[in-house]
Amino acid sequence: MLNIHRIDHEASHTHCWRVTVQRRTRIYVRSFSDGRYGGAEQALVAATTYRDALIRSNPPLSKPVYCAILKKTNRSGISGLSRIDRWEFSKGRRVHRLYWDVQWPIENCQSRHKKFSILKYGEDGAYRRALKAISSQTFSPFASRGAANSAAA
């Protein structure tokens, strides 16, 4: 079951259902003891009711809102924009790939990518084309971590 699991620990005489839901930076945890609720089935009903109410009051972020959050590991300063510098094998040869990569969410939990070659357009040209491509998307890649959290709350 989603966000509900069973705990049966004989050594500590613990028999309960535990609800664990994480939303943004907060983790909600609550246990529903068999003894307090009159058995495992009644405790499960109480846990399910609690979980459903918790999820209704704290819905998960939509994919565009989640993608707009600037992650701690982001080094470009813009969500969905990355500078790629790697060596790959292509047609049996080792090739140096250097480009700006743009990624944005689309419907059905999928995403799209577009690459802009630094060798073809130059550093500034590839970066400007990547910025233009990402700014034309439906989600706001320029939202900061704080703005995305407050908008979703």
N, C-alpha and C. Protein backbone atom coordinates (compact mmCIF):
# COMPACT_ATOMS: atom_id res chain seq x y z
N MET A 1 0.83 -1.18 0.00
CA MET A 1 0.00 0.00 0.00
C MET A 1 0.88 1.24 0.00
N LEU A 2 0.41 2.25 -0.70
CA LEU A 2 1.16 3.48 -0.83
C LEU A 2 1.27 4.20 0.50
N ASN A 3 2.51 4.43 0.97
CA ASN A 3 2.82 5.17 2.19
C ASN A 3 2.38 4.50 3.48
N ILE A 4 1.93 3.25 3.45
CA ILE A 4 1.53 2.53 4.65
C ILE A 4 2.26 1.19 4.67
N HIS A 5 2.89 0.86 5.81
CA HIS A 5 3.52 -0.45 5.92
C HIS A 5 3.28 -1.03 7.31
N ARG A 6 3.40 -2.32 7.39
CA ARG A 6 3.10 -3.06 8.61
C ARG A 6 4.37 -3.24 9.43
N ILE A 7 4.24 -3.07 10.76
CA ILE A 7 5.35 -3.33 11.69
C ILE A 7 4.88 -4.37 12.69
N ASP A 8 5.56 -5.50 12.71
CA ASP A 8 5.34 -6.56 13.70
C ASP A 8 6.69 -6.91 14.29
N HIS A 9 6.98 -6.37 15.47
CA HIS A 9 8.26 -6.58 16.13
C HIS A 9 8.00 -7.24 17.48
N GLU A 10 8.25 -8.55 17.53
CA GLU A 10 7.92 -9.34 18.72
C GLU A 10 8.72 -8.92 19.95
N ALA A 11 9.99 -8.60 19.77
CA ALA A 11 10.85 -8.27 20.92
C ALA A 11 10.34 -7.05 21.68
N SER A 12 9.80 -6.07 20.97
CA SER A 12 9.31 -4.87 21.64
C SER A 12 7.78 -4.86 21.76
N HIS A 13 7.15 -5.96 21.33
CA HIS A 13 5.69 -6.09 21.36
C HIS A 13 5.01 -4.96 20.58
N THR A 14 5.59 -4.63 19.44
CA THR A 14 5.04 -3.59 18.59
C THR A 14 4.31 -4.22 17.41
N HIS A 15 3.02 -3.92 17.28
CA HIS A 15 2.21 -4.41 16.18
C HIS A 15 1.35 -3.24 15.72
N CYS A 16 1.69 -2.68 14.58
CA CYS A 16 0.97 -1.49 14.12
C CYS A 16 1.13 -1.31 12.62
N TRP A 17 0.36 -0.37 12.10
CA TRP A 17 0.51 0.12 10.74
C TRP A 17 1.16 1.50 10.84
N ARG A 18 2.17 1.77 10.01
CA ARG A 18 2.86 3.05 10.05
C ARG A 18 2.65 3.79 8.73
N VAL A 19 2.24 5.05 8.86
CA VAL A 19 2.06 5.93 7.70
C VAL A 19 3.26 6.86 7.63
N THR A 20 3.91 6.91 6.46
CA THR A 20 5.05 7.80 6.25
C THR A 20 4.84 8.53 4.92
N VAL A 21 4.75 9.85 4.99
CA VAL A 21 4.55 10.68 3.79
C VAL A 21 5.55 11.82 3.85
N GLN A 22 6.27 12.04 2.75
CA GLN A 22 7.20 13.15 2.68
C GLN A 22 6.67 14.18 1.69
N ARG A 23 6.64 15.42 2.11
CA ARG A 23 6.24 16.53 1.27
C ARG A 23 7.24 17.65 1.45
N ARG A 24 7.88 18.01 0.33
CA ARG A 24 8.94 19.01 0.31
C ARG A 24 10.03 18.64 1.32
N THR A 25 10.24 19.39 2.35
CA THR A 25 11.31 19.08 3.30
C THR A 25 10.77 18.45 4.58
N ARG A 26 9.50 18.18 4.67
CA ARG A 26 8.90 17.65 5.90
C ARG A 26 8.48 16.20 5.72
N ILE A 27 8.69 15.39 6.76
CA ILE A 27 8.29 13.98 6.75
C ILE A 27 7.23 13.79 7.84
N TYR A 28 6.08 13.28 7.44
CA TYR A 28 4.99 13.00 8.37
C TYR A 28 5.00 11.51 8.68
N VAL A 29 5.10 11.14 9.96
CA VAL A 29 5.12 9.75 10.38
C VAL A 29 4.12 9.58 11.52
N ARG A 30 3.28 8.56 11.41
CA ARG A 30 2.34 8.27 12.48
C ARG A 30 2.06 6.77 12.50
N SER A 31 2.02 6.18 13.68
CA SER A 31 1.75 4.75 13.85
C SER A 31 0.35 4.53 14.37
N PHE A 32 -0.28 3.45 13.93
CA PHE A 32 -1.63 3.08 14.34
C PHE A 32 -1.57 1.68 14.93
N SER A 33 -1.57 1.62 16.27
CA SER A 33 -1.39 0.38 17.02
C SER A 33 -2.63 -0.50 16.97
N ASP A 34 -2.40 -1.82 16.86
CA ASP A 34 -3.51 -2.78 16.87
C ASP A 34 -4.27 -2.71 18.19
N GLY A 35 -3.54 -2.59 19.30
CA GLY A 35 -4.18 -2.56 20.62
C GLY A 35 -5.07 -1.34 20.82
N ARG A 36 -4.64 -0.23 20.34
CA ARG A 36 -5.41 1.01 20.53
C ARG A 36 -6.65 1.06 19.64
N TYR A 37 -6.57 0.47 18.45
CA TYR A 37 -7.68 0.54 17.51
C TYR A 37 -8.52 -0.73 17.46
N GLY A 38 -8.21 -1.73 18.30
CA GLY A 38 -9.03 -2.93 18.38
C GLY A 38 -8.74 -3.98 17.33
N GLY A 39 -7.52 -4.05 16.87
CA GLY A 39 -7.14 -5.08 15.90
C GLY A 39 -6.46 -4.48 14.68
N ALA A 40 -5.85 -5.38 13.88
CA ALA A 40 -5.08 -4.95 12.72
C ALA A 40 -5.96 -4.33 11.64
N GLU A 41 -7.14 -4.87 11.44
CA GLU A 41 -8.03 -4.35 10.40
C GLU A 41 -8.51 -2.93 10.72
N GLN A 42 -8.91 -2.71 11.96
CA GLN A 42 -9.37 -1.37 12.35
C GLN A 42 -8.23 -0.36 12.32
N ALA A 43 -7.05 -0.80 12.72
CA ALA A 43 -5.87 0.07 12.68
C ALA A 43 -5.53 0.44 11.23
N LEU A 44 -5.69 -0.52 10.31
CA LEU A 44 -5.43 -0.25 8.89
C LEU A 44 -6.43 0.76 8.34
N VAL A 45 -7.70 0.63 8.74
CA VAL A 45 -8.71 1.59 8.29
C VAL A 45 -8.36 3.00 8.79
N ALA A 46 -7.95 3.12 10.05
CA ALA A 46 -7.57 4.41 10.61
C ALA A 46 -6.34 4.97 9.90
N ALA A 47 -5.36 4.12 9.62
CA ALA A 47 -4.14 4.55 8.94
C ALA A 47 -4.46 5.03 7.52
N THR A 48 -5.33 4.31 6.82
CA THR A 48 -5.71 4.68 5.46
C THR A 48 -6.45 6.02 5.45
N THR A 49 -7.36 6.21 6.41
CA THR A 49 -8.09 7.47 6.52
C THR A 49 -7.14 8.63 6.78
N TYR A 50 -6.19 8.42 7.69
CA TYR A 50 -5.21 9.46 8.01
C TYR A 50 -4.35 9.79 6.79
N ARG A 51 -3.86 8.75 6.10
CA ARG A 51 -3.01 8.96 4.92
C ARG A 51 -3.76 9.74 3.84
N ASP A 52 -5.02 9.36 3.58
CA ASP A 52 -5.80 10.04 2.54
C ASP A 52 -6.02 11.51 2.89
N ALA A 53 -6.32 11.81 4.15
CA ALA A 53 -6.50 13.19 4.58
C ALA A 53 -5.19 13.98 4.48
N LEU A 54 -4.08 13.33 4.82
CA LEU A 54 -2.77 13.97 4.75
C LEU A 54 -2.40 14.31 3.31
N ILE A 55 -2.66 13.39 2.40
CA ILE A 55 -2.33 13.61 1.00
C ILE A 55 -3.25 14.68 0.39
N ARG A 56 -4.51 14.71 0.82
CA ARG A 56 -5.43 15.76 0.34
C ARG A 56 -4.97 17.15 0.80
N SER A 57 -4.51 17.25 2.04
CA SER A 57 -4.09 18.55 2.56
C SER A 57 -2.67 18.94 2.12
N ASN A 58 -1.87 17.96 1.70
CA ASN A 58 -0.50 18.20 1.23
C ASN A 58 -0.28 17.46 -0.08
N PRO A 59 -0.84 17.92 -1.19
CA PRO A 59 -0.70 17.19 -2.45
C PRO A 59 0.75 17.21 -2.94
N PRO A 60 1.14 16.20 -3.71
CA PRO A 60 2.50 16.20 -4.26
C PRO A 60 2.66 17.30 -5.30
N LEU A 61 3.91 17.70 -5.53
CA LEU A 61 4.19 18.72 -6.54
C LEU A 61 3.92 18.15 -7.92
N SER A 62 3.44 18.99 -8.82
CA SER A 62 3.29 18.57 -10.20
C SER A 62 4.69 18.50 -10.83
N LYS A 63 4.82 17.77 -11.92
CA LYS A 63 6.12 17.61 -12.55
C LYS A 63 6.72 18.95 -13.00
N PRO A 64 5.96 19.86 -13.64
CA PRO A 64 6.56 21.14 -14.01
C PRO A 64 7.04 21.95 -12.80
N VAL A 65 6.29 21.94 -11.72
CA VAL A 65 6.70 22.69 -10.52
C VAL A 65 7.95 22.05 -9.92
N TYR A 66 7.99 20.70 -9.85
CA TYR A 66 9.15 20.01 -9.31
C TYR A 66 10.39 20.28 -10.17
N CYS A 67 10.22 20.26 -11.48
CA CYS A 67 11.35 20.48 -12.38
C CYS A 67 11.89 21.90 -12.31
N ALA A 68 11.04 22.84 -11.93
CA ALA A 68 11.47 24.24 -11.84
C ALA A 68 12.28 24.52 -10.59
N ILE A 69 12.27 23.62 -9.63
CA ILE A 69 13.05 23.82 -8.40
C ILE A 69 14.54 23.70 -8.74
N LEU A 70 15.30 24.69 -8.36
CA LEU A 70 16.73 24.67 -8.62
C LEU A 70 17.40 23.71 -7.63
N LYS A 71 17.95 22.62 -8.12
CA LYS A 71 18.56 21.60 -7.28
C LYS A 71 19.92 22.07 -6.76
N LYS A 72 20.35 21.50 -5.65
CA LYS A 72 21.63 21.89 -5.03
C LYS A 72 22.81 21.61 -5.95
N THR A 73 22.70 20.58 -6.80
CA THR A 73 23.81 20.19 -7.66
C THR A 73 23.85 20.99 -8.96
N ASN A 74 22.88 21.87 -9.18
CA ASN A 74 22.83 22.66 -10.41
C ASN A 74 23.98 23.66 -10.42
N ARG A 75 24.74 23.67 -11.53
CA ARG A 75 25.86 24.59 -11.63
C ARG A 75 25.65 25.68 -12.67
N SER A 76 24.59 25.56 -13.47
CA SER A 76 24.33 26.60 -14.47
C SER A 76 23.50 27.74 -13.89
N GLY A 77 22.80 27.49 -12.80
CA GLY A 77 21.95 28.51 -12.20
C GLY A 77 20.54 28.53 -12.75
N ILE A 78 20.26 27.70 -13.75
CA ILE A 78 18.93 27.64 -14.37
C ILE A 78 18.49 26.18 -14.40
N SER A 79 17.30 25.92 -13.88
CA SER A 79 16.78 24.56 -13.84
C SER A 79 16.55 24.04 -15.26
N GLY A 80 17.07 22.85 -15.55
CA GLY A 80 16.89 22.23 -16.86
C GLY A 80 17.99 22.54 -17.86
N LEU A 81 18.98 23.33 -17.47
CA LEU A 81 20.06 23.71 -18.38
C LEU A 81 21.38 23.17 -17.85
N SER A 82 22.09 22.41 -18.68
CA SER A 82 23.36 21.80 -18.27
C SER A 82 24.39 21.96 -19.36
N ARG A 83 25.63 22.16 -18.95
CA ARG A 83 26.75 22.17 -19.90
C ARG A 83 27.38 20.79 -19.85
N ILE A 84 27.45 20.15 -21.00
CA ILE A 84 27.96 18.78 -21.08
C ILE A 84 29.33 18.79 -21.75
N ASP A 85 30.29 18.14 -21.10
CA ASP A 85 31.64 18.00 -21.62
C ASP A 85 32.06 16.56 -21.37
N ARG A 86 31.99 15.72 -22.40
CA ARG A 86 32.29 14.29 -22.19
C ARG A 86 32.86 13.65 -23.45
N TRP A 87 33.50 12.53 -23.22
CA TRP A 87 34.01 11.70 -24.31
C TRP A 87 33.08 10.53 -24.49
N GLU A 88 32.70 10.25 -25.75
CA GLU A 88 31.78 9.15 -26.06
C GLU A 88 32.35 8.35 -27.23
N PHE A 89 31.83 7.14 -27.38
CA PHE A 89 32.17 6.32 -28.54
C PHE A 89 31.07 6.44 -29.57
N SER A 90 31.46 6.75 -30.81
CA SER A 90 30.52 6.87 -31.92
C SER A 90 31.15 6.24 -33.15
N LYS A 91 30.48 5.24 -33.70
CA LYS A 91 30.97 4.53 -34.89
C LYS A 91 32.37 3.98 -34.67
N GLY A 92 32.62 3.46 -33.48
CA GLY A 92 33.89 2.84 -33.16
C GLY A 92 35.01 3.81 -32.83
N ARG A 93 34.73 5.08 -32.82
CA ARG A 93 35.76 6.08 -32.52
C ARG A 93 35.40 6.85 -31.27
N ARG A 94 36.40 7.31 -30.58
CA ARG A 94 36.21 8.13 -29.38
C ARG A 94 36.04 9.58 -29.81
N VAL A 95 34.90 10.21 -29.40
CA VAL A 95 34.56 11.55 -29.86
C VAL A 95 34.34 12.45 -28.64
N HIS A 96 34.85 13.68 -28.73
CA HIS A 96 34.65 14.66 -27.66
C HIS A 96 33.35 15.41 -27.91
N ARG A 97 32.40 15.31 -26.96
CA ARG A 97 31.10 16.00 -27.07
C ARG A 97 31.11 17.19 -26.12
N LEU A 98 30.81 18.36 -26.64
CA LEU A 98 30.79 19.58 -25.87
C LEU A 98 29.56 20.38 -26.30
N TYR A 99 28.56 20.49 -25.40
CA TYR A 99 27.32 21.15 -25.77
C TYR A 99 26.54 21.60 -24.54
N TRP A 100 25.58 22.50 -24.77
CA TRP A 100 24.61 22.89 -23.75
C TRP A 100 23.38 22.04 -23.99
N ASP A 101 22.89 21.40 -22.93
CA ASP A 101 21.72 20.52 -23.01
C ASP A 101 20.56 21.17 -22.28
N VAL A 102 19.40 21.20 -22.93
CA VAL A 102 18.18 21.73 -22.33
C VAL A 102 17.21 20.58 -22.15
N GLN A 103 16.62 20.50 -20.97
CA GLN A 103 15.64 19.45 -20.68
C GLN A 103 14.42 20.11 -20.04
N TRP A 104 13.20 19.73 -20.49
CA TRP A 104 11.98 20.28 -19.91
C TRP A 104 10.91 19.20 -19.87
N PRO A 105 10.00 19.29 -18.88
CA PRO A 105 8.96 18.26 -18.75
C PRO A 105 7.84 18.47 -19.77
N ILE A 106 7.28 17.33 -20.23
CA ILE A 106 6.08 17.37 -21.06
C ILE A 106 5.05 16.46 -20.40
N GLU A 107 3.90 16.29 -21.01
CA GLU A 107 2.85 15.49 -20.41
C GLU A 107 3.25 14.01 -20.29
N ASN A 108 2.48 13.27 -19.51
CA ASN A 108 2.67 11.82 -19.27
C ASN A 108 4.01 11.49 -18.62
N CYS A 109 4.48 12.35 -17.72
CA CYS A 109 5.71 12.11 -16.95
C CYS A 109 6.92 11.89 -17.84
N GLN A 110 6.98 12.54 -18.97
CA GLN A 110 8.11 12.43 -19.88
C GLN A 110 8.81 13.78 -19.98
N SER A 111 9.97 13.77 -20.60
CA SER A 111 10.69 15.03 -20.79
C SER A 111 11.33 15.05 -22.17
N ARG A 112 11.67 16.24 -22.62
CA ARG A 112 12.32 16.44 -23.90
C ARG A 112 13.70 17.03 -23.68
N HIS A 113 14.61 16.74 -24.60
CA HIS A 113 15.96 17.28 -24.57
C HIS A 113 16.24 17.98 -25.90
N LYS A 114 17.09 18.97 -25.83
CA LYS A 114 17.60 19.60 -27.03
C LYS A 114 19.05 19.98 -26.75
N LYS A 115 19.93 19.69 -27.70
CA LYS A 115 21.36 19.95 -27.53
C LYS A 115 21.80 21.06 -28.47
N PHE A 116 22.72 21.91 -27.95
CA PHE A 116 23.27 23.00 -28.74
C PHE A 116 24.79 22.89 -28.68
N SER A 117 25.39 22.54 -29.80
CA SER A 117 26.83 22.28 -29.88
C SER A 117 27.65 23.55 -29.67
N ILE A 118 28.60 23.45 -28.77
CA ILE A 118 29.52 24.55 -28.53
C ILE A 118 30.53 24.64 -29.68
N LEU A 119 30.88 23.50 -30.27
CA LEU A 119 31.82 23.51 -31.40
C LEU A 119 31.18 24.16 -32.63
N LYS A 120 29.87 23.99 -32.80
CA LYS A 120 29.17 24.55 -33.96
C LYS A 120 28.80 26.03 -33.77
N TYR A 121 28.25 26.39 -32.59
CA TYR A 121 27.74 27.74 -32.36
C TYR A 121 28.66 28.61 -31.52
N GLY A 122 29.67 28.04 -30.92
CA GLY A 122 30.52 28.77 -29.98
C GLY A 122 29.88 28.74 -28.60
N GLU A 123 30.68 29.06 -27.59
CA GLU A 123 30.19 28.99 -26.20
C GLU A 123 28.98 29.91 -25.99
N ASP A 124 29.12 31.18 -26.36
CA ASP A 124 28.03 32.14 -26.15
C ASP A 124 26.82 31.84 -27.03
N GLY A 125 27.07 31.48 -28.27
CA GLY A 125 25.97 31.19 -29.20
C GLY A 125 25.15 29.98 -28.75
N ALA A 126 25.81 28.93 -28.33
CA ALA A 126 25.11 27.73 -27.87
C ALA A 126 24.33 28.02 -26.59
N TYR A 127 24.95 28.80 -25.69
CA TYR A 127 24.28 29.16 -24.44
C TYR A 127 23.04 30.01 -24.70
N ARG A 128 23.15 31.01 -25.58
CA ARG A 128 22.01 31.86 -25.90
C ARG A 128 20.88 31.06 -26.56
N ARG A 129 21.22 30.15 -27.45
CA ARG A 129 20.19 29.31 -28.09
C ARG A 129 19.52 28.40 -27.07
N ALA A 130 20.30 27.88 -26.14
CA ALA A 130 19.73 27.02 -25.09
C ALA A 130 18.80 27.82 -24.19
N LEU A 131 19.20 29.03 -23.81
CA LEU A 131 18.34 29.89 -23.00
C LEU A 131 17.04 30.21 -23.72
N LYS A 132 17.14 30.51 -25.00
CA LYS A 132 15.94 30.83 -25.78
C LYS A 132 15.01 29.62 -25.84
N ALA A 133 15.58 28.43 -26.02
CA ALA A 133 14.77 27.21 -26.11
C ALA A 133 14.07 26.91 -24.79
N ILE A 134 14.77 27.06 -23.67
CA ILE A 134 14.17 26.71 -22.38
C ILE A 134 13.18 27.78 -21.92
N SER A 135 13.40 29.04 -22.26
CA SER A 135 12.48 30.09 -21.81
C SER A 135 11.16 30.05 -22.56
N SER A 136 11.10 29.35 -23.69
CA SER A 136 9.85 29.24 -24.44
C SER A 136 8.98 28.08 -23.98
N GLN A 137 9.39 27.37 -22.92
CA GLN A 137 8.62 26.21 -22.45
C GLN A 137 7.53 26.64 -21.48
N THR A 138 6.63 25.69 -21.15
CA THR A 138 5.45 26.00 -20.35
C THR A 138 5.73 26.11 -18.86
N PHE A 139 6.86 25.60 -18.37
CA PHE A 139 7.18 25.74 -16.95
C PHE A 139 8.23 26.83 -16.79
N SER A 140 8.34 27.34 -15.58
CA SER A 140 9.26 28.45 -15.35
C SER A 140 10.60 27.92 -14.86
N PRO A 141 11.59 27.82 -15.74
CA PRO A 141 12.89 27.29 -15.32
C PRO A 141 13.69 28.27 -14.48
N PHE A 142 13.24 29.52 -14.43
CA PHE A 142 13.98 30.55 -13.71
C PHE A 142 13.50 30.72 -12.28
N ALA A 143 12.53 29.88 -11.85
CA ALA A 143 12.02 29.97 -10.47
C ALA A 143 13.11 29.52 -9.51
N SER A 144 13.25 30.23 -8.43
CA SER A 144 14.24 29.85 -7.43
C SER A 144 13.67 28.77 -6.52
N ARG A 145 14.52 28.18 -5.71
CA ARG A 145 14.09 27.13 -4.77
C ARG A 145 12.99 27.65 -3.85
N GLY A 146 13.14 28.83 -3.30
CA GLY A 146 12.15 29.38 -2.37
C GLY A 146 10.84 29.71 -3.07
N ALA A 147 10.89 30.24 -4.28
CA ALA A 147 9.68 30.61 -4.99
C ALA A 147 8.89 29.37 -5.37
N ALA A 148 9.55 28.30 -5.78
CA ALA A 148 8.85 27.07 -6.15
C ALA A 148 8.20 26.44 -4.94
N ASN A 149 8.87 26.47 -3.80
CA ASN A 149 8.28 25.90 -2.59
C ASN A 149 7.08 26.69 -2.12
N SER A 150 7.14 28.02 -2.16
CA SER A 150 6.01 28.82 -1.69
C SER A 150 4.84 28.73 -2.66
N ALA A 151 5.11 28.59 -3.96
CA ALA A 151 4.04 28.48 -4.94
C ALA A 151 3.32 27.14 -4.81
N ALA A 152 4.05 26.10 -4.43
CA ALA A 152 3.46 24.77 -4.32
C ALA A 152 2.73 24.58 -2.99
N ALA A 153 3.07 25.37 -1.98
CA ALA A 153 2.46 25.19 -0.65
C ALA A 153 1.05 25.69 -0.58
